[in-house]
C-alpha atoms as a PDB file:
ATOM      1  CA  MET A   1     -24.573  18.412  25.761  1.00  0.00           C
ATOM      2  CA  ASN A   2     -22.550  21.710  24.944  1.00  0.00           C
ATOM      3  CA  VAL A   3     -20.929  23.578  27.747  1.00  0.00           C
ATOM      4  CA  THR A   4     -20.400  27.383  26.769  1.00  0.00           C
ATOM      5  CA  PHE A   5     -18.317  29.750  27.995  1.00  0.00           C
ATOM      6  CA  GLU A   6     -18.481  33.686  28.418  1.00  0.00           C
ATOM      7  CA  LYS A   7     -16.701  36.399  29.690  1.00  0.00           C
ATOM      8  CA  THR A   8     -17.392  38.107  32.961  1.00  0.00           C
ATOM      9  CA  PRO A   9     -16.694  41.771  34.188  1.00  0.00           C
ATOM     10  CA  ASN A  10     -13.809  40.317  36.333  1.00  0.00           C
ATOM     11  CA  PRO A  11     -11.114  39.559  33.673  1.00  0.00           C
ATOM     12  CA  ASP A  12      -9.665  36.816  35.894  1.00  0.00           C
ATOM     13  CA  CYS A  13     -12.967  34.699  35.682  1.00  0.00           C
ATOM     14  CA  LEU A  14     -14.740  32.889  33.228  1.00  0.00           C
ATOM     15  CA  LYS A  15     -18.477  31.629  33.480  1.00  0.00           C
ATOM     16  CA  PHE A  16     -18.932  28.247  32.230  1.00  0.00           C
ATOM     17  CA  ASN A  17     -22.863  27.742  31.343  1.00  0.00           C
ATOM     18  CA  LEU A  18     -24.044  23.919  31.790  1.00  0.00           C
ATOM     19  CA  GLY A  19     -27.489  24.626  30.281  1.00  0.00           C
ATOM     20  CA  PHE A  20     -29.579  23.056  33.062  1.00  0.00           C
ATOM     21  CA  GLU A  21     -29.645  23.518  36.862  1.00  0.00           C
ATOM     22  CA  PHE A  22     -27.355  20.686  38.865  1.00  0.00           C
ATOM     23  CA  ASN A  23     -27.140  22.730  42.118  1.00  0.00           C
ATOM     24  CA  LYS A  24     -29.406  24.254  44.632  1.00  0.00           C
ATOM     25  CA  SER A  25     -27.091  26.067  46.938  1.00  0.00           C
ATOM     26  CA  PRO A  26     -24.263  28.168  45.260  1.00  0.00           C
ATOM     27  CA  PHE A  27     -20.957  27.868  47.081  1.00  0.00           C
ATOM     28  CA  SER A  28     -17.143  28.859  46.301  1.00  0.00           C
ATOM     29  CA  CYS A  29     -14.099  26.856  46.751  1.00  0.00           C
ATOM     30  CA  THR A  30     -10.686  28.753  47.383  1.00  0.00           C
ATOM     31  CA  HIS A  31      -8.569  25.841  47.544  1.00  0.00           C
ATOM     32  CA  ILE A  32      -8.645  22.087  46.616  1.00  0.00           C
ATOM     33  CA  SER A  33      -9.451  20.998  50.566  1.00  0.00           C
ATOM     34  CA  GLU A  34     -12.992  23.110  50.276  1.00  0.00           C
ATOM     35  CA  THR A  35     -14.300  20.616  47.404  1.00  0.00           C
ATOM     36  CA  ASP A  36     -15.741  18.023  49.529  1.00  0.00           C
ATOM     37  CA  CYS A  37     -19.420  18.903  48.175  1.00  0.00           C
ATOM     38  CA  SER A  38     -18.206  19.006  44.488  1.00  0.00           C
ATOM     39  CA  PRO A  39     -16.104  16.315  42.749  1.00  0.00           C
ATOM     40  CA  LEU A  40     -16.098  18.599  39.781  1.00  0.00           C
ATOM     41  CA  ALA A  41     -14.604  21.504  41.821  1.00  0.00           C
ATOM     42  CA  TYR A  42     -11.927  18.884  43.049  1.00  0.00           C
ATOM     43  CA  LYS A  43     -10.844  17.863  39.434  1.00  0.00           C
ATOM     44  CA  LEU A  44     -10.836  21.565  38.280  1.00  0.00           C
ATOM     45  CA  PHE A  45      -8.382  22.387  41.329  1.00  0.00           C
ATOM     46  CA  GLU A  46      -6.189  19.586  39.670  1.00  0.00           C
ATOM     47  CA  PHE A  47      -5.335  21.958  36.867  1.00  0.00           C
ATOM     48  CA  PRO A  48      -2.256  24.229  37.870  1.00  0.00           C
ATOM     49  CA  TRP A  49      -4.065  27.401  36.379  1.00  0.00           C
ATOM     50  CA  THR A  50      -7.215  27.129  38.606  1.00  0.00           C
ATOM     51  CA  SER A  51      -7.348  29.647  41.395  1.00  0.00           C
ATOM     52  CA  GLU A  52     -10.673  29.398  42.773  1.00  0.00           C
ATOM     53  CA  VAL A  53     -13.998  27.791  41.674  1.00  0.00           C
ATOM     54  CA  PHE A  54     -17.598  28.994  42.264  1.00  0.00           C
ATOM     55  CA  VAL A  55     -20.419  26.529  41.604  1.00  0.00           C
ATOM     56  CA  GLY A  56     -23.669  28.405  40.724  1.00  0.00           C
ATOM     57  CA  THR A  57     -26.947  26.679  40.099  1.00  0.00           C
ATOM     58  CA  ASN A  58     -26.484  26.326  36.446  1.00  0.00           C
ATOM     59  CA  PHE A  59     -22.878  27.427  35.926  1.00  0.00           C
ATOM     60  CA  ILE A  60     -19.353  27.489  37.022  1.00  0.00           C
ATOM     61  CA  THR A  61     -17.286  30.403  37.498  1.00  0.00           C
ATOM     62  CA  LEU A  62     -13.506  29.789  37.397  1.00  0.00           C
ATOM     63  CA  LYS A  63     -11.002  32.139  38.456  1.00  0.00           C
ATOM     64  CA  LYS A  64      -7.577  31.484  36.765  1.00  0.00           C
ATOM     65  CA  GLN A  65      -3.719  32.178  37.657  1.00  0.00           C
ATOM     66  CA  ASP A  66      -2.274  35.394  36.420  1.00  0.00           C
ATOM     67  CA  TRP A  67       0.360  33.593  34.503  1.00  0.00           C
ATOM     68  CA  VAL A  68      -2.111  31.763  31.941  1.00  0.00           C
ATOM     69  CA  GLU A  69      -4.472  33.487  29.247  1.00  0.00           C
ATOM     70  CA  TRP A  70      -8.240  32.471  28.782  1.00  0.00           C
ATOM     71  CA  ASN A  71      -7.548  31.866  25.111  1.00  0.00           C
ATOM     72  CA  SER A  72      -5.234  29.193  25.716  1.00  0.00           C
ATOM     73  CA  ILE A  73      -7.586  27.160  28.263  1.00  0.00           C
ATOM     74  CA  ALA A  74     -11.252  28.206  27.873  1.00  0.00           C
ATOM     75  CA  THR A  75     -12.069  25.536  25.229  1.00  0.00           C
ATOM     76  CA  ASP A  76      -9.995  22.874  26.981  1.00  0.00           C
ATOM     77  CA  ILE A  77     -12.183  23.575  30.255  1.00  0.00           C
ATOM     78  CA  ALA A  78     -15.403  23.576  28.807  1.00  0.00           C
ATOM     79  CA  ASN A  79     -14.796  20.270  27.035  1.00  0.00           C
ATOM     80  CA  PHE A  80     -13.607  18.836  30.134  1.00  0.00           C
ATOM     81  CA  ILE A  81     -16.745  19.803  31.791  1.00  0.00           C
ATOM     82  CA  ASN A  82     -18.720  18.789  29.240  1.00  0.00           C
ATOM     83  CA  GLU A  83     -16.881  15.213  29.204  1.00  0.00           C
ATOM     84  CA  GLN A  84     -17.605  14.939  33.135  1.00  0.00           C
ATOM     85  CA  ILE A  85     -21.563  15.506  32.268  1.00  0.00           C
ATOM     86  CA  VAL A  86     -21.820  13.086  29.160  1.00  0.00           C
ATOM     87  CA  ASN A  87     -20.020  10.525  31.490  1.00  0.00           C
ATOM     88  CA  ASN A  88     -22.624  11.028  34.260  1.00  0.00           C
ATOM     89  CA  GLU A  89     -19.768  12.068  36.671  1.00  0.00           C
ATOM     90  CA  PRO A  90     -21.054  13.611  39.723  1.00  0.00           C
ATOM     91  CA  LEU A  91     -20.957  17.698  39.912  1.00  0.00           C
ATOM     92  CA  VAL A  92     -22.024  18.388  43.319  1.00  0.00           C
ATOM     93  CA  VAL A  93     -22.980  15.954  46.366  1.00  0.00           C
ATOM     94  CA  VAL A  94     -25.972  16.975  48.200  1.00  0.00           C
ATOM     95  CA  SER A  95     -25.571  17.101  51.931  1.00  0.00           C
ATOM     96  CA  GLN A  96     -28.766  16.018  53.981  1.00  0.00           C
ATOM     97  CA  SER A  97     -27.895  17.929  57.255  1.00  0.00           C
ATOM     98  CA  MET A  98     -28.667  21.662  57.440  1.00  0.00           C
ATOM     99  CA  SER A  99     -25.811  24.100  56.336  1.00  0.00           C
ATOM    100  CA  GLU A 100     -24.657  26.730  58.841  1.00  0.00           C
ATOM    101  CA  SER A 101     -26.304  29.486  56.854  1.00  0.00           C
ATOM    102  CA  GLU A 102     -29.678  27.487  57.205  1.00  0.00           C
ATOM    103  CA  ILE A 103     -29.189  27.312  60.908  1.00  0.00           C
ATOM    104  CA  ALA A 104     -28.554  30.975  61.201  1.00  0.00           C
ATOM    105  CA  ASN A 105     -31.596  31.778  59.338  1.00  0.00           C
ATOM    106  CA  LEU A 106     -33.739  30.530  62.007  1.00  0.00           C
ATOM    107  CA  SER A 107     -33.023  33.530  64.092  1.00  0.00           C
ATOM    108  CA  LEU A 108     -33.144  36.419  61.842  1.00  0.00           C
ATOM    109  CA  ASP A 109     -34.900  39.545  62.709  1.00  0.00           C
ATOM    110  CA  GLU A 110     -37.840  41.004  60.431  1.00  0.00           C
ATOM    111  CA  ILE A 111     -35.136  43.608  58.511  1.00  0.00           C
ATOM    112  CA  SER A 112     -32.587  40.553  57.944  1.00  0.00           C
ATOM    113  CA  THR A 113     -35.220  38.349  56.621  1.00  0.00           C
ATOM    114  CA  ARG A 114     -36.333  41.050  54.062  1.00  0.00           C
ATOM    115  CA  ILE A 115     -32.894  41.830  52.947  1.00  0.00           C
ATOM    116  CA  LYS A 116     -32.107  37.971  52.646  1.00  0.00           C
ATOM    117  CA  LEU A 117     -35.382  37.833  50.521  1.00  0.00           C
ATOM    118  CA  ILE A 118     -34.398  40.771  48.106  1.00  0.00           C
ATOM    119  CA  LEU A 119     -30.841  39.577  47.919  1.00  0.00           C
ATOM    120  CA  GLU A 120     -32.115  35.936  46.778  1.00  0.00           C
ATOM    121  CA  ASN A 121     -34.786  37.168  44.562  1.00  0.00           C
ATOM    122  CA  GLU A 122     -33.723  40.370  43.063  1.00  0.00           C
ATOM    123  CA  ILE A 123     -30.034  40.697  43.457  1.00  0.00           C
ATOM    124  CA  ARG A 124     -28.548  37.277  43.084  1.00  0.00           C
ATOM    125  CA  PRO A 125     -30.171  36.653  39.576  1.00  0.00           C
ATOM    126  CA  SER A 126     -28.550  39.492  38.305  1.00  0.00           C
ATOM    127  CA  LEU A 127     -24.985  38.834  39.558  1.00  0.00           C
ATOM    128  CA  ALA A 128     -25.360  35.171  38.615  1.00  0.00           C
ATOM    129  CA  SER A 129     -25.637  36.441  34.987  1.00  0.00           C
ATOM    130  CA  ASP A 130     -22.130  37.582  35.235  1.00  0.00           C
ATOM    131  CA  GLY A 131     -21.122  34.593  36.935  1.00  0.00           C
ATOM    132  CA  GLY A 132     -20.997  35.723  40.473  1.00  0.00           C
ATOM    133  CA  ASP A 133     -23.242  35.462  43.798  1.00  0.00           C
ATOM    134  CA  ILE A 134     -23.792  37.258  46.861  1.00  0.00           C
ATOM    135  CA  ASP A 135     -24.335  35.948  50.482  1.00  0.00           C
ATOM    136  CA  PHE A 136     -25.929  37.667  53.360  1.00  0.00           C
ATOM    137  CA  ILE A 137     -23.783  37.715  56.454  1.00  0.00           C
ATOM    138  CA  SER A 138     -24.963  39.845  59.043  1.00  0.00           C
ATOM    139  CA  TYR A 139     -27.338  43.114  59.432  1.00  0.00           C
ATOM    140  CA  GLY A 140     -27.141  45.409  62.594  1.00  0.00           C
ATOM    141  CA  ASP A 141     -27.250  48.800  63.373  1.00  0.00           C
ATOM    142  CA  GLY A 142     -28.241  49.878  59.829  1.00  0.00           C
ATOM    143  CA  ILE A 143     -24.989  48.192  58.348  1.00  0.00           C
ATOM    144  CA  LEU A 144     -25.368  45.043  55.902  1.00  0.00           C
ATOM    145  CA  LYS A 145     -22.380  42.602  55.598  1.00  0.00           C
ATOM    146  CA  VAL A 146     -22.209  40.646  52.327  1.00  0.00           C
ATOM    147  CA  GLU A 147     -19.550  38.352  50.677  1.00  0.00           C
ATOM    148  CA  LEU A 148     -19.303  38.492  47.069  1.00  0.00           C
ATOM    149  CA  LYS A 149     -18.471  35.327  45.245  1.00  0.00           C
ATOM    150  CA  GLY A 150     -17.461  34.001  42.135  1.00  0.00           C
ATOM    151  CA  ALA A 151     -16.476  36.621  39.516  1.00  0.00           C
ATOM    152  CA  CYS A 152     -17.922  39.315  41.831  1.00  0.00           C
ATOM    153  CA  LYS A 153     -15.142  38.673  44.187  1.00  0.00           C
ATOM    154  CA  GLY A 154     -11.959  40.931  43.260  1.00  0.00           C
ATOM    155  CA  CYS A 155     -13.873  42.188  40.190  1.00  0.00           C
ATOM    156  CA  PRO A 156     -12.610  45.476  39.173  1.00  0.00           C
ATOM    157  CA  SER A 157     -16.247  46.925  39.181  1.00  0.00           C
ATOM    158  CA  SER A 158     -17.340  45.350  42.362  1.00  0.00           C
ATOM    159  CA  THR A 159     -17.177  48.243  44.267  1.00  0.00           C
ATOM    160  CA  GLN A 160     -19.221  50.147  41.830  1.00  0.00           C
ATOM    161  CA  THR A 161     -21.531  47.367  41.871  1.00  0.00           C
ATOM    162  CA  LEU A 162     -21.626  47.052  45.880  1.00  0.00           C
ATOM    163  CA  LYS A 163     -22.275  50.802  46.490  1.00  0.00           C
ATOM    164  CA  GLN A 164     -24.130  52.224  43.464  1.00  0.00           C
ATOM    165  CA  GLY A 165     -26.198  49.371  42.577  1.00  0.00           C
ATOM    166  CA  ILE A 166     -27.046  47.006  45.612  1.00  0.00           C
ATOM    167  CA  GLU A 167     -26.587  49.550  48.265  1.00  0.00           C
ATOM    168  CA  GLY A 168     -28.671  52.324  46.560  1.00  0.00           C
ATOM    169  CA  TYR A 169     -31.232  49.726  45.702  1.00  0.00           C
ATOM    170  CA  LEU A 170     -31.790  48.308  49.143  1.00  0.00           C
ATOM    171  CA  GLN A 171     -31.552  51.893  50.599  1.00  0.00           C
ATOM    172  CA  GLU A 172     -34.634  52.747  48.526  1.00  0.00           C
ATOM    173  CA  LEU A 173     -36.460  49.514  50.108  1.00  0.00           C
ATOM    174  CA  ILE A 174     -35.335  49.557  53.765  1.00  0.00           C
ATOM    175  CA  PRO A 175     -34.774  53.159  54.820  1.00  0.00           C
ATOM    176  CA  ASP A 176     -32.719  52.163  57.961  1.00  0.00           C
ATOM    177  CA  LEU A 177     -30.065  50.715  55.803  1.00  0.00           C
ATOM    178  CA  LYS A 178     -26.955  53.027  56.059  1.00  0.00           C
ATOM    179  CA  LYS A 179     -24.355  50.907  54.218  1.00  0.00           C
ATOM    180  CA  VAL A 180     -23.699  47.844  52.714  1.00  0.00           C
ATOM    181  CA  ILE A 181     -19.987  46.336  53.028  1.00  0.00           C
ATOM    182  CA  SER A 182     -18.157  43.376  51.726  1.00  0.00           C
ATOM    183  CA  ILE A 183     -16.285  41.106  53.845  1.00  0.00           C
END
């Protein structure tokens, strides 16, 4: 097993590619107290340079503290993640109960359902290639609220991605959509 890493458009984030799918539901942890579902995220927060951990389907995006440079820690982090895999340490813990987002999906209107499918199948893979993700929050009165995660959260080009990329594309497919905002 060989974990690789690559730059993202967000200079504070680095994407670590694991080379296999290990997680079905991407999630973000901004503090060690939010890592119940990922022993690996917990261990990454034990390093003082970790600011945020995004766990994708086959990658992990790590956001670093401002006081450290990637060239001094990236290889060590990749080796640490690789060691966890080689030692068969659990990366994520799967919950058997429905998540809050799965429960919320049960009552979505037709347009919201269509938007979620487009986000899931067309936009999410593109953002994942840069170490990021997007979550549908709500849709009403022509306004789509989303949450950018991973490398997309706080990225210098996230506004451009949101407005010119995501909003423009969705407006072509859903004429009632007026704007997309990130919360």
